[in-house]
Amino acid sequence: MTAMAAVAEPVTLRIQTHYATEHPTGKMIAQWIDDVQTMSGGDITIEMFYSSSVVASVETFDAAINGILDCDATGGAYQTGKNPAFQFVGDIMGGYDTPWQQYSWLYYGGGYDAAQALYNEHNMQLIGWAIYGQESFASSKPIAGPEDLKGWKFRSPPGMETEIFEKLGASPIVMDFTEIFTALETGIIDGADASGLANNVGLGLYDIVKHANYPGFHSMPSDHLACNKDVWEGLTEQQRRIMETAWQKLSFQIAMLNEKANTEAAAMLQEQGVTLYEWSAEDRATFRAAAQEAWDDWATRSPEAAPLVESHKAYLRQLGLVK
């Protein structure tokens, strides 16, 4: 008898990301592609479309569902219009303090199964997350605690964030990302929610305003890799393991790289006269309490949202972050 090892059929996966090739995450995605192709011995080829070059970022998920693409490497938060439950796989807002806590919910707190049920309903398979860490504000005024949020006008993305900050007395203004700079310079807004501290430095926000909070507390978005379920199940077990393992390497390195970059940015900004505010545990708890009211409201907006919210809250209780 002659034993023949199973040979994987070569496959090409078409994937879109919202990151540009020159962005730090874009460069790390290029390394992920190389890892996948090398570990698979060339059996998996990744054709990556950067900067949402095939469809708009918000349309990437549907493009994968409909076979225009095979996988989506953007983020679940883009899909809250499709189902509010995606808020809780995209950015829970005010939940976890670190990427590692949020990763542990996904892999060890029941999060993967809870999230997978949502993705599978759309014939998509969640492969993993990439979390770069807490975001920081840029502000023309001090933001040392919840009291400073009262009347604070800032650029906010749409959705649950605006509701949370309105509860705390702030005046969130939804505007396009490209409008932030002019709005800050002209005083239309007092501050902006844009990205993490190091990314804000790269955007030049602290050339305009001289106040920031660090570490952040309000937003820690998670990007995802999600593939068309039929495409995913058409891969061999070996090919799927390679994709998953390489993505975990990518996601953890993104978190570590950004932690280093933010630490360096914080030191540099202080030398340049930018004031950084670290909110106390009590102040963060005040924000988290307001966030929980919004979570509970959003949990009623779709049948799929409620179990995700409860899964997060149960794990946050285990971590001692909510009572």
C-alpha atoms as a PDB file:
ATOM      1  CA  MET A   1       0.000   0.000   0.000  1.00  0.00           C
ATOM      2  CA  THR A   2       1.205   3.495  -0.814  1.00  0.00           C
ATOM      3  CA  ALA A   3       0.322   6.248   1.668  1.00  0.00           C
ATOM      4  CA  MET A   4      -0.218   9.639   0.081  1.00  0.00           C
ATOM      5  CA  ALA A   5      -0.209  12.807   2.172  1.00  0.00           C
ATOM      6  CA  ALA A   6      -3.099  15.170   1.518  1.00  0.00           C
ATOM      7  CA  VAL A   7      -1.935  18.092  -0.570  1.00  0.00           C
ATOM      8  CA  ALA A   8      -3.670  21.445  -0.189  1.00  0.00           C
ATOM      9  CA  GLU A   9      -5.010  23.026  -3.336  1.00  0.00           C
ATOM     10  CA  PRO A  10      -3.348  26.421  -3.886  1.00  0.00           C
ATOM     11  CA  VAL A  11      -5.740  29.286  -3.156  1.00  0.00           C
ATOM     12  CA  THR A  12      -5.697  33.037  -3.731  1.00  0.00           C
ATOM     13  CA  LEU A  13      -7.583  35.176  -1.202  1.00  0.00           C
ATOM     14  CA  ARG A  14      -8.685  38.688  -2.140  1.00  0.00           C
ATOM     15  CA  ILE A  15      -8.755  40.877   0.965  1.00  0.00           C
ATOM     16  CA  GLN A  16      -9.354  44.601   1.479  1.00  0.00           C
ATOM     17  CA  THR A  17      -8.038  46.776   4.304  1.00  0.00           C
ATOM     18  CA  HIS A  18      -8.741  50.423   5.051  1.00  0.00           C
ATOM     19  CA  TYR A  19      -5.057  51.004   5.892  1.00  0.00           C
ATOM     20  CA  ALA A  20      -2.593  52.481   3.433  1.00  0.00           C
ATOM     21  CA  THR A  21       0.622  50.659   2.539  1.00  0.00           C
ATOM     22  CA  GLU A  22       2.723  53.327   4.294  1.00  0.00           C
ATOM     23  CA  HIS A  23       0.685  53.274   7.530  1.00  0.00           C
ATOM     24  CA  PRO A  24       2.428  51.346  10.355  1.00  0.00           C
ATOM     25  CA  THR A  25      -0.434  48.831  10.445  1.00  0.00           C
ATOM     26  CA  GLY A  26      -0.368  48.601   6.660  1.00  0.00           C
ATOM     27  CA  LYS A  27       3.310  47.674   6.839  1.00  0.00           C
ATOM     28  CA  MET A  28       2.581  45.024   9.450  1.00  0.00           C
ATOM     29  CA  ILE A  29      -0.204  43.600   7.297  1.00  0.00           C
ATOM     30  CA  ALA A  30       2.396  43.187   4.549  1.00  0.00           C
ATOM     31  CA  GLN A  31       4.442  41.102   7.009  1.00  0.00           C
ATOM     32  CA  TRP A  32       1.325  39.026   7.802  1.00  0.00           C
ATOM     33  CA  ILE A  33       0.905  38.327   4.087  1.00  0.00           C
ATOM     34  CA  ASP A  34       4.513  37.192   3.895  1.00  0.00           C
ATOM     35  CA  ASP A  35       4.047  34.972   6.980  1.00  0.00           C
ATOM     36  CA  VAL A  36       0.966  33.295   5.511  1.00  0.00           C
ATOM     37  CA  GLN A  37       2.510  32.732   2.114  1.00  0.00           C
ATOM     38  CA  THR A  38       5.777  31.447   3.590  1.00  0.00           C
ATOM     39  CA  MET A  39       4.210  29.117   6.180  1.00  0.00           C
ATOM     40  CA  SER A  40       1.850  27.684   3.573  1.00  0.00           C
ATOM     41  CA  GLY A  41       4.716  26.990   1.183  1.00  0.00           C
ATOM     42  CA  GLY A  42       2.996  29.141  -1.402  1.00  0.00           C
ATOM     43  CA  ASP A  43      -0.338  27.314  -1.147  1.00  0.00           C
ATOM     44  CA  ILE A  44      -2.008  30.523   0.079  1.00  0.00           C
ATOM     45  CA  THR A  45      -1.554  33.705  -1.926  1.00  0.00           C
ATOM     46  CA  ILE A  46      -2.941  36.937  -0.474  1.00  0.00           C
ATOM     47  CA  GLU A  47      -4.029  39.647  -2.883  1.00  0.00           C
ATOM     48  CA  MET A  48      -4.382  42.647  -0.568  1.00  0.00           C
ATOM     49  CA  PHE A  49      -6.231  45.788  -1.605  1.00  0.00           C
ATOM     50  CA  TYR A  50      -5.048  48.721   0.511  1.00  0.00           C
ATOM     51  CA  SER A  51      -6.780  52.023   1.307  1.00  0.00           C
ATOM     52  CA  SER A  52     -10.221  50.609   0.468  1.00  0.00           C
ATOM     53  CA  SER A  53      -9.305  50.606  -3.205  1.00  0.00           C
ATOM     54  CA  VAL A  54     -12.048  48.193  -4.335  1.00  0.00           C
ATOM     55  CA  VAL A  55     -15.068  49.451  -2.363  1.00  0.00           C
ATOM     56  CA  ALA A  56     -15.589  51.967   0.454  1.00  0.00           C
ATOM     57  CA  SER A  57     -14.491  50.773   3.906  1.00  0.00           C
ATOM     58  CA  VAL A  58     -18.074  50.451   5.122  1.00  0.00           C
ATOM     59  CA  GLU A  59     -18.892  48.277   2.068  1.00  0.00           C
ATOM     60  CA  THR A  60     -16.019  45.807   2.525  1.00  0.00           C
ATOM     61  CA  PHE A  61     -18.016  43.387   4.660  1.00  0.00           C
ATOM     62  CA  ASP A  62     -20.807  43.149   2.065  1.00  0.00           C
ATOM     63  CA  ALA A  63     -18.244  42.792  -0.717  1.00  0.00           C
ATOM     64  CA  ALA A  64     -16.924  39.693   1.059  1.00  0.00           C
ATOM     65  CA  ILE A  65     -20.438  38.355   1.617  1.00  0.00           C
ATOM     66  CA  ASN A  66     -21.245  38.800  -2.080  1.00  0.00           C
ATOM     67  CA  GLY A  67     -18.000  37.324  -3.422  1.00  0.00           C
ATOM     68  CA  ILE A  68     -16.434  40.525  -4.737  1.00  0.00           C
ATOM     69  CA  LEU A  69     -13.780  39.937  -2.078  1.00  0.00           C
ATOM     70  CA  ASP A  70     -12.991  36.847  -0.011  1.00  0.00           C
ATOM     71  CA  CYS A  71     -12.187  38.523   3.306  1.00  0.00           C
ATOM     72  CA  ASP A  72     -12.648  41.824   5.108  1.00  0.00           C
ATOM     73  CA  ALA A  73      -9.721  43.338   7.054  1.00  0.00           C
ATOM     74  CA  THR A  74     -11.432  46.524   8.278  1.00  0.00           C
ATOM     75  CA  GLY A  75     -13.533  46.396  11.465  1.00  0.00           C
ATOM     76  CA  GLY A  76     -16.906  45.420  12.844  1.00  0.00           C
ATOM     77  CA  ALA A  77     -17.766  48.995  13.864  1.00  0.00           C
ATOM     78  CA  TYR A  78     -18.382  49.801  10.204  1.00  0.00           C
ATOM     79  CA  GLN A  79     -21.386  47.459  10.315  1.00  0.00           C
ATOM     80  CA  THR A  80     -23.439  49.002  13.141  1.00  0.00           C
ATOM     81  CA  GLY A  81     -25.914  50.233  10.521  1.00  0.00           C
ATOM     82  CA  LYS A  82     -26.432  46.625   9.485  1.00  0.00           C
ATOM     83  CA  ASN A  83     -26.903  45.461  13.061  1.00  0.00           C
ATOM     84  CA  PRO A  84     -26.254  47.444  16.289  1.00  0.00           C
ATOM     85  CA  ALA A  85     -24.669  44.290  17.740  1.00  0.00           C
ATOM     86  CA  PHE A  86     -21.559  45.011  15.673  1.00  0.00           C
ATOM     87  CA  GLN A  87     -20.817  47.914  18.034  1.00  0.00           C
ATOM     88  CA  PHE A  88     -19.774  45.331  20.621  1.00  0.00           C
ATOM     89  CA  VAL A  89     -17.272  43.617  18.351  1.00  0.00           C
ATOM     90  CA  GLY A  90     -16.018  46.933  16.965  1.00  0.00           C
ATOM     91  CA  ASP A  91     -15.646  49.266  19.958  1.00  0.00           C
ATOM     92  CA  ILE A  92     -17.443  48.599  23.230  1.00  0.00           C
ATOM     93  CA  MET A  93     -16.516  52.120  24.453  1.00  0.00           C
ATOM     94  CA  GLY A  94     -15.327  52.501  28.037  1.00  0.00           C
ATOM     95  CA  GLY A  95     -15.050  48.781  28.699  1.00  0.00           C
ATOM     96  CA  TYR A  96     -11.568  47.331  28.956  1.00  0.00           C
ATOM     97  CA  ASP A  97      -8.495  49.244  30.091  1.00  0.00           C
ATOM     98  CA  THR A  98      -5.954  47.420  27.901  1.00  0.00           C
ATOM     99  CA  PRO A  99      -5.887  45.474  24.628  1.00  0.00           C
ATOM    100  CA  TRP A 100      -4.833  42.382  26.589  1.00  0.00           C
ATOM    101  CA  GLN A 101      -8.019  42.429  28.679  1.00  0.00           C
ATOM    102  CA  GLN A 102     -10.106  42.712  25.527  1.00  0.00           C
ATOM    103  CA  TYR A 103      -8.147  39.953  23.777  1.00  0.00           C
ATOM    104  CA  SER A 104      -8.685  37.736  26.816  1.00  0.00           C
ATOM    105  CA  TRP A 105     -12.470  38.232  26.527  1.00  0.00           C
ATOM    106  CA  LEU A 106     -12.275  37.112  22.897  1.00  0.00           C
ATOM    107  CA  TYR A 107     -10.135  34.031  23.477  1.00  0.00           C
ATOM    108  CA  TYR A 108     -10.861  33.054  27.092  1.00  0.00           C
ATOM    109  CA  GLY A 109     -14.028  34.856  28.140  1.00  0.00           C
ATOM    110  CA  GLY A 110     -16.512  33.347  25.707  1.00  0.00           C
ATOM    111  CA  GLY A 111     -16.226  36.287  23.333  1.00  0.00           C
ATOM    112  CA  TYR A 112     -15.173  34.331  20.268  1.00  0.00           C
ATOM    113  CA  ASP A 113     -18.297  32.150  20.294  1.00  0.00           C
ATOM    114  CA  ALA A 114     -20.567  35.100  21.084  1.00  0.00           C
ATOM    115  CA  ALA A 115     -19.104  37.169  18.252  1.00  0.00           C
ATOM    116  CA  GLN A 116     -18.958  34.231  15.839  1.00  0.00           C
ATOM    117  CA  ALA A 117     -22.711  33.736  16.090  1.00  0.00           C
ATOM    118  CA  LEU A 118     -23.206  37.292  14.828  1.00  0.00           C
ATOM    119  CA  TYR A 119     -20.768  36.894  11.940  1.00  0.00           C
ATOM    120  CA  ASN A 120     -22.140  33.504  10.924  1.00  0.00           C
ATOM    121  CA  GLU A 121     -25.617  34.981  10.545  1.00  0.00           C
ATOM    122  CA  HIS A 122     -24.182  36.961   7.645  1.00  0.00           C
ATOM    123  CA  ASN A 123     -22.311  33.953   6.231  1.00  0.00           C
ATOM    124  CA  MET A 124     -19.029  35.377   7.487  1.00  0.00           C
ATOM    125  CA  GLN A 125     -16.369  33.805   9.722  1.00  0.00           C
ATOM    126  CA  LEU A 126     -14.514  35.892  12.292  1.00  0.00           C
ATOM    127  CA  ILE A 127     -10.835  34.913  12.194  1.00  0.00           C
ATOM    128  CA  GLY A 128      -9.499  37.360  14.758  1.00  0.00           C
ATOM    129  CA  TRP A 129      -9.050  40.921  15.968  1.00  0.00           C
ATOM    130  CA  ALA A 130      -6.303  43.522  15.879  1.00  0.00           C
ATOM    131  CA  ILE A 131      -6.421  46.036  18.746  1.00  0.00           C
ATOM    132  CA  TYR A 132      -3.914  48.883  18.784  1.00  0.00           C
ATOM    133  CA  GLY A 133      -4.890  50.255  22.192  1.00  0.00           C
ATOM    134  CA  GLN A 134      -6.719  53.107  23.858  1.00  0.00           C
ATOM    135  CA  GLU A 135      -7.307  56.307  21.927  1.00  0.00           C
ATOM    136  CA  SER A 136      -6.460  59.759  23.288  1.00  0.00           C
ATOM    137  CA  PHE A 137      -8.095  63.126  22.766  1.00  0.00           C
ATOM    138  CA  ALA A 138      -6.522  66.274  21.383  1.00  0.00           C
ATOM    139  CA  SER A 139      -7.876  69.398  23.070  1.00  0.00           C
ATOM    140  CA  SER A 140      -7.395  73.131  23.274  1.00  0.00           C
ATOM    141  CA  LYS A 141      -8.638  72.997  26.886  1.00  0.00           C
ATOM    142  CA  PRO A 142      -7.730  70.880  29.913  1.00  0.00           C
ATOM    143  CA  ILE A 143      -9.480  67.483  30.055  1.00  0.00           C
ATOM    144  CA  ALA A 144      -8.361  66.354  33.494  1.00  0.00           C
ATOM    145  CA  GLY A 145     -11.591  64.589  34.468  1.00  0.00           C
ATOM    146  CA  PRO A 146     -15.346  64.254  33.901  1.00  0.00           C
ATOM    147  CA  GLU A 147     -16.025  67.840  35.046  1.00  0.00           C
ATOM    148  CA  ASP A 148     -13.989  69.165  32.125  1.00  0.00           C
ATOM    149  CA  LEU A 149     -16.285  67.374  29.668  1.00  0.00           C
ATOM    150  CA  LYS A 150     -19.205  69.660  30.464  1.00  0.00           C
ATOM    151  CA  GLY A 151     -19.742  71.933  27.483  1.00  0.00           C
ATOM    152  CA  TRP A 152     -16.648  70.511  25.741  1.00  0.00           C
ATOM    153  CA  LYS A 153     -17.211  70.602  21.974  1.00  0.00           C
ATOM    154  CA  PHE A 154     -15.329  67.869  20.181  1.00  0.00           C
ATOM    155  CA  ARG A 155     -15.275  65.968  16.939  1.00  0.00           C
ATOM    156  CA  SER A 156     -16.853  62.567  17.471  1.00  0.00           C
ATOM    157  CA  PRO A 157     -17.539  59.650  15.186  1.00  0.00           C
ATOM    158  CA  PRO A 158     -21.241  58.836  14.874  1.00  0.00           C
ATOM    159  CA  GLY A 159     -23.009  56.218  16.960  1.00  0.00           C
ATOM    160  CA  MET A 160     -22.873  55.194  20.592  1.00  0.00           C
ATOM    161  CA  GLU A 161     -19.992  57.520  21.498  1.00  0.00           C
ATOM    162  CA  THR A 162     -22.096  60.625  20.984  1.00  0.00           C
ATOM    163  CA  GLU A 163     -24.749  59.265  23.351  1.00  0.00           C
ATOM    164  CA  ILE A 164     -22.236  58.499  26.113  1.00  0.00           C
ATOM    165  CA  PHE A 165     -20.577  61.905  26.010  1.00  0.00           C
ATOM    166  CA  GLU A 166     -23.887  63.739  25.874  1.00  0.00           C
ATOM    167  CA  LYS A 167     -24.818  61.996  29.159  1.00  0.00           C
ATOM    168  CA  LEU A 168     -21.650  63.491  30.666  1.00  0.00           C
ATOM    169  CA  GLY A 169     -22.463  67.002  29.453  1.00  0.00           C
ATOM    170  CA  ALA A 170     -20.147  67.213  26.451  1.00  0.00           C
ATOM    171  CA  SER A 171     -21.171  68.468  23.012  1.00  0.00           C
ATOM    172  CA  PRO A 172     -20.033  65.870  20.473  1.00  0.00           C
ATOM    173  CA  ILE A 173     -20.103  67.077  16.871  1.00  0.00           C
ATOM    174  CA  VAL A 174     -20.086  64.448  14.154  1.00  0.00           C
ATOM    175  CA  MET A 175     -17.863  65.549  11.306  1.00  0.00           C
ATOM    176  CA  ASP A 176     -15.690  64.018   8.650  1.00  0.00           C
ATOM    177  CA  PHE A 177     -12.138  63.151   9.671  1.00  0.00           C
ATOM    178  CA  THR A 178     -10.738  65.588   7.090  1.00  0.00           C
ATOM    179  CA  GLU A 179     -12.517  68.527   8.743  1.00  0.00           C
ATOM    180  CA  ILE A 180     -10.811  68.157  12.140  1.00  0.00           C
ATOM    181  CA  PHE A 181      -7.800  70.376  11.460  1.00  0.00           C
ATOM    182  CA  THR A 182      -9.699  73.415  10.223  1.00  0.00           C
ATOM    183  CA  ALA A 183     -12.305  73.033  12.969  1.00  0.00           C
ATOM    184  CA  LEU A 184      -9.594  73.007  15.655  1.00  0.00           C
ATOM    185  CA  GLU A 185      -7.722  75.947  14.154  1.00  0.00           C
ATOM    186  CA  THR A 186     -10.854  78.079  13.900  1.00  0.00           C
ATOM    187  CA  GLY A 187     -12.250  77.119  17.302  1.00  0.00           C
ATOM    188  CA  ILE A 188     -15.375  75.469  15.943  1.00  0.00           C
ATOM    189  CA  ILE A 189     -14.459  72.565  18.217  1.00  0.00           C
ATOM    190  CA  ASP A 190     -12.420  72.423  21.426  1.00  0.00           C
ATOM    191  CA  GLY A 191     -11.026  68.971  20.763  1.00  0.00           C
ATOM    192  CA  ALA A 192     -11.151  65.830  18.710  1.00  0.00           C
ATOM    193  CA  ASP A 193     -11.453  62.100  19.031  1.00  0.00           C
ATOM    194  CA  ALA A 194      -9.202  60.934  16.226  1.00  0.00           C
ATOM    195  CA  SER A 195      -6.858  58.081  17.174  1.00  0.00           C
ATOM    196  CA  GLY A 196      -4.192  56.937  19.623  1.00  0.00           C
ATOM    197  CA  LEU A 197      -1.613  59.363  21.001  1.00  0.00           C
ATOM    198  CA  ALA A 198       1.187  58.456  18.581  1.00  0.00           C
ATOM    199  CA  ASN A 199      -1.148  58.548  15.595  1.00  0.00           C
ATOM    200  CA  ASN A 200      -2.432  61.957  16.698  1.00  0.00           C
ATOM    201  CA  VAL A 201       1.166  63.172  16.723  1.00  0.00           C
ATOM    202  CA  GLY A 202       1.594  61.889  13.186  1.00  0.00           C
ATOM    203  CA  LEU A 203      -1.574  63.728  12.162  1.00  0.00           C
ATOM    204  CA  GLY A 204      -0.165  66.981  13.560  1.00  0.00           C
ATOM    205  CA  LEU A 205      -3.014  67.583  16.025  1.00  0.00           C
ATOM    206  CA  TYR A 206      -0.697  68.633  18.859  1.00  0.00           C
ATOM    207  CA  ASP A 207       0.839  71.258  16.631  1.00  0.00           C
ATOM    208  CA  ILE A 208      -2.537  72.967  16.930  1.00  0.00           C
ATOM    209  CA  VAL A 209      -3.685  72.166  20.493  1.00  0.00           C
ATOM    210  CA  LYS A 210      -1.686  71.496  23.650  1.00  0.00           C
ATOM    211  CA  HIS A 211      -3.784  69.208  25.844  1.00  0.00           C
ATOM    212  CA  ALA A 212      -4.276  65.445  25.716  1.00  0.00           C
ATOM    213  CA  ASN A 213      -5.284  62.560  27.943  1.00  0.00           C
ATOM    214  CA  TYR A 214      -2.988  59.561  28.274  1.00  0.00           C
ATOM    215  CA  PRO A 215      -3.476  56.671  28.709  1.00  0.00           C
ATOM    216  CA  GLY A 216      -6.871  56.824  27.066  1.00  0.00           C
ATOM    217  CA  PHE A 217     -10.086  55.487  28.580  1.00  0.00           C
ATOM    218  CA  HIS A 218     -12.984  56.012  26.206  1.00  0.00           C
ATOM    219  CA  SER A 219     -12.335  54.112  22.973  1.00  0.00           C
ATOM    220  CA  MET A 220     -10.324  51.061  21.975  1.00  0.00           C
ATOM    221  CA  PRO A 221     -11.474  49.969  18.512  1.00  0.00           C
ATOM    222  CA  SER A 222     -10.802  46.487  17.223  1.00  0.00           C
ATOM    223  CA  ASP A 223     -10.095  45.773  13.579  1.00  0.00           C
ATOM    224  CA  HIS A 224     -10.978  42.316  12.368  1.00  0.00           C
ATOM    225  CA  LEU A 225     -10.195  39.694   9.796  1.00  0.00           C
ATOM    226  CA  ALA A 226     -13.456  38.127   8.657  1.00  0.00           C
ATOM    227  CA  CYS A 227     -13.855  35.844   5.664  1.00  0.00           C
ATOM    228  CA  ASN A 228     -16.746  34.617   3.579  1.00  0.00           C
ATOM    229  CA  LYS A 229     -17.832  31.465   5.407  1.00  0.00           C
ATOM    230  CA  ASP A 230     -18.009  29.351   2.242  1.00  0.00           C
ATOM    231  CA  VAL A 231     -14.497  30.445   1.272  1.00  0.00           C
ATOM    232  CA  TRP A 232     -13.221  29.746   4.795  1.00  0.00           C
ATOM    233  CA  GLU A 233     -14.734  26.271   4.917  1.00  0.00           C
ATOM    234  CA  GLY A 234     -13.247  25.565   1.506  1.00  0.00           C
ATOM    235  CA  LEU A 235      -9.753  25.892   2.977  1.00  0.00           C
ATOM    236  CA  THR A 236      -7.998  22.894   4.467  1.00  0.00           C
ATOM    237  CA  GLU A 237      -7.540  22.684   8.239  1.00  0.00           C
ATOM    238  CA  GLN A 238      -3.838  23.406   7.720  1.00  0.00           C
ATOM    239  CA  GLN A 239      -4.582  26.532   5.701  1.00  0.00           C
ATOM    240  CA  ARG A 240      -7.068  27.783   8.289  1.00  0.00           C
ATOM    241  CA  ARG A 241      -4.599  27.204  11.143  1.00  0.00           C
ATOM    242  CA  ILE A 242      -1.932  29.149   9.256  1.00  0.00           C
ATOM    243  CA  MET A 243      -4.291  32.085   8.695  1.00  0.00           C
ATOM    244  CA  GLU A 244      -5.404  32.133  12.343  1.00  0.00           C
ATOM    245  CA  THR A 245      -1.921  31.770  13.824  1.00  0.00           C
ATOM    246  CA  ALA A 246      -0.365  34.397  11.587  1.00  0.00           C
ATOM    247  CA  TRP A 247      -3.206  36.810  12.412  1.00  0.00           C
ATOM    248  CA  GLN A 248      -2.662  36.345  16.143  1.00  0.00           C
ATOM    249  CA  LYS A 249       1.000  37.203  15.666  1.00  0.00           C
ATOM    250  CA  LEU A 250       0.016  40.308  13.703  1.00  0.00           C
ATOM    251  CA  SER A 251      -2.620  41.419  16.205  1.00  0.00           C
ATOM    252  CA  PHE A 252      -0.421  41.059  19.278  1.00  0.00           C
ATOM    253  CA  GLN A 253       2.493  42.826  17.587  1.00  0.00           C
ATOM    254  CA  ILE A 254       0.225  45.721  16.610  1.00  0.00           C
ATOM    255  CA  ALA A 255      -0.709  46.153  20.284  1.00  0.00           C
ATOM    256  CA  MET A 256       2.919  45.987  21.430  1.00  0.00           C
ATOM    257  CA  LEU A 257       4.199  48.339  18.729  1.00  0.00           C
ATOM    258  CA  ASN A 258       1.546  50.934  19.503  1.00  0.00           C
ATOM    259  CA  GLU A 259       2.191  50.732  23.243  1.00  0.00           C
ATOM    260  CA  LYS A 260       5.851  51.526  22.566  1.00  0.00           C
ATOM    261  CA  ALA A 261       4.962  54.302  20.105  1.00  0.00           C
ATOM    262  CA  ASN A 262       2.494  55.899  22.527  1.00  0.00           C
ATOM    263  CA  THR A 263       5.019  55.832  25.380  1.00  0.00           C
ATOM    264  CA  GLU A 264       7.608  57.560  23.195  1.00  0.00           C
ATOM    265  CA  ALA A 265       5.027  60.071  21.967  1.00  0.00           C
ATOM    266  CA  ALA A 266       3.990  60.906  25.541  1.00  0.00           C
ATOM    267  CA  ALA A 267       7.566  61.708  26.547  1.00  0.00           C
ATOM    268  CA  MET A 268       8.130  63.820  23.440  1.00  0.00           C
ATOM    269  CA  LEU A 269       4.888  65.774  23.849  1.00  0.00           C
ATOM    270  CA  GLN A 270       5.641  66.654  27.454  1.00  0.00           C
ATOM    271  CA  GLU A 271       9.026  67.991  26.402  1.00  0.00           C
ATOM    272  CA  GLN A 272       7.217  70.136  23.816  1.00  0.00           C
ATOM    273  CA  GLY A 273       4.862  71.609  26.402  1.00  0.00           C
ATOM    274  CA  VAL A 274       1.781  69.502  25.779  1.00  0.00           C
ATOM    275  CA  THR A 275      -0.047  68.703  29.028  1.00  0.00           C
ATOM    276  CA  LEU A 276      -1.103  65.073  29.481  1.00  0.00           C
ATOM    277  CA  TYR A 277      -3.884  64.097  31.872  1.00  0.00           C
ATOM    278  CA  GLU A 278      -4.186  60.605  33.357  1.00  0.00           C
ATOM    279  CA  TRP A 279      -7.689  60.010  34.623  1.00  0.00           C
ATOM    280  CA  SER A 280      -7.994  58.366  38.034  1.00  0.00           C
ATOM    281  CA  ALA A 281      -9.670  55.014  38.563  1.00  0.00           C
ATOM    282  CA  GLU A 282     -12.669  56.877  40.009  1.00  0.00           C
ATOM    283  CA  ASP A 283     -12.932  59.142  36.961  1.00  0.00           C
ATOM    284  CA  ARG A 284     -12.701  56.198  34.586  1.00  0.00           C
ATOM    285  CA  ALA A 285     -15.431  54.475  36.609  1.00  0.00           C
ATOM    286  CA  THR A 286     -17.653  57.541  36.115  1.00  0.00           C
ATOM    287  CA  PHE A 287     -17.210  57.265  32.365  1.00  0.00           C
ATOM    288  CA  ARG A 288     -17.722  53.495  32.427  1.00  0.00           C
ATOM    289  CA  ALA A 289     -21.009  53.936  34.308  1.00  0.00           C
ATOM    290  CA  ALA A 290     -22.285  56.307  31.615  1.00  0.00           C
ATOM    291  CA  ALA A 291     -21.090  53.864  28.972  1.00  0.00           C
ATOM    292  CA  GLN A 292     -22.998  51.011  30.608  1.00  0.00           C
ATOM    293  CA  GLU A 293     -26.246  52.954  30.301  1.00  0.00           C
ATOM    294  CA  ALA A 294     -25.584  53.227  26.560  1.00  0.00           C
ATOM    295  CA  TRP A 295     -24.661  49.518  26.319  1.00  0.00           C
ATOM    296  CA  ASP A 296     -27.947  48.554  27.957  1.00  0.00           C
ATOM    297  CA  ASP A 297     -29.883  50.777  25.581  1.00  0.00           C
ATOM    298  CA  TRP A 298     -28.097  49.379  22.524  1.00  0.00           C
ATOM    299  CA  ALA A 299     -28.671  45.845  23.831  1.00  0.00           C
ATOM    300  CA  THR A 300     -32.378  46.369  23.165  1.00  0.00           C
ATOM    301  CA  ARG A 301     -31.867  47.392  19.543  1.00  0.00           C
ATOM    302  CA  SER A 302     -31.340  43.936  18.103  1.00  0.00           C
ATOM    303  CA  PRO A 303     -31.701  40.354  19.341  1.00  0.00           C
ATOM    304  CA  GLU A 304     -28.009  39.739  18.636  1.00  0.00           C
ATOM    305  CA  ALA A 305     -26.796  42.724  20.686  1.00  0.00           C
ATOM    306  CA  ALA A 306     -28.130  41.565  24.065  1.00  0.00           C
ATOM    307  CA  PRO A 307     -26.026  38.376  24.429  1.00  0.00           C
ATOM    308  CA  LEU A 308     -22.870  40.225  23.350  1.00  0.00           C
ATOM    309  CA  VAL A 309     -23.437  42.971  25.917  1.00  0.00           C
ATOM    310  CA  GLU A 310     -24.099  40.438  28.657  1.00  0.00           C
ATOM    311  CA  SER A 311     -20.990  38.462  27.692  1.00  0.00           C
ATOM    312  CA  HIS A 312     -18.845  41.603  27.976  1.00  0.00           C
ATOM    313  CA  LYS A 313     -20.416  42.633  31.288  1.00  0.00           C
ATOM    314  CA  ALA A 314     -19.963  39.176  32.781  1.00  0.00           C
ATOM    315  CA  TYR A 315     -16.283  39.178  31.891  1.00  0.00           C
ATOM    316  CA  LEU A 316     -15.775  42.780  33.010  1.00  0.00           C
ATOM    317  CA  ARG A 317     -17.230  41.752  36.378  1.00  0.00           C
ATOM    318  CA  GLN A 318     -14.664  38.942  36.578  1.00  0.00           C
ATOM    319  CA  LEU A 319     -11.930  41.483  35.919  1.00  0.00           C
ATOM    320  CA  GLY A 320     -13.325  43.801  38.606  1.00  0.00           C
ATOM    321  CA  LEU A 321     -13.946  46.599  36.117  1.00  0.00           C
ATOM    322  CA  VAL A 322     -17.724  46.760  36.639  1.00  0.00           C
ATOM    323  CA  LYS A 323     -19.879  45.876  39.636  1.00  0.00           C
END
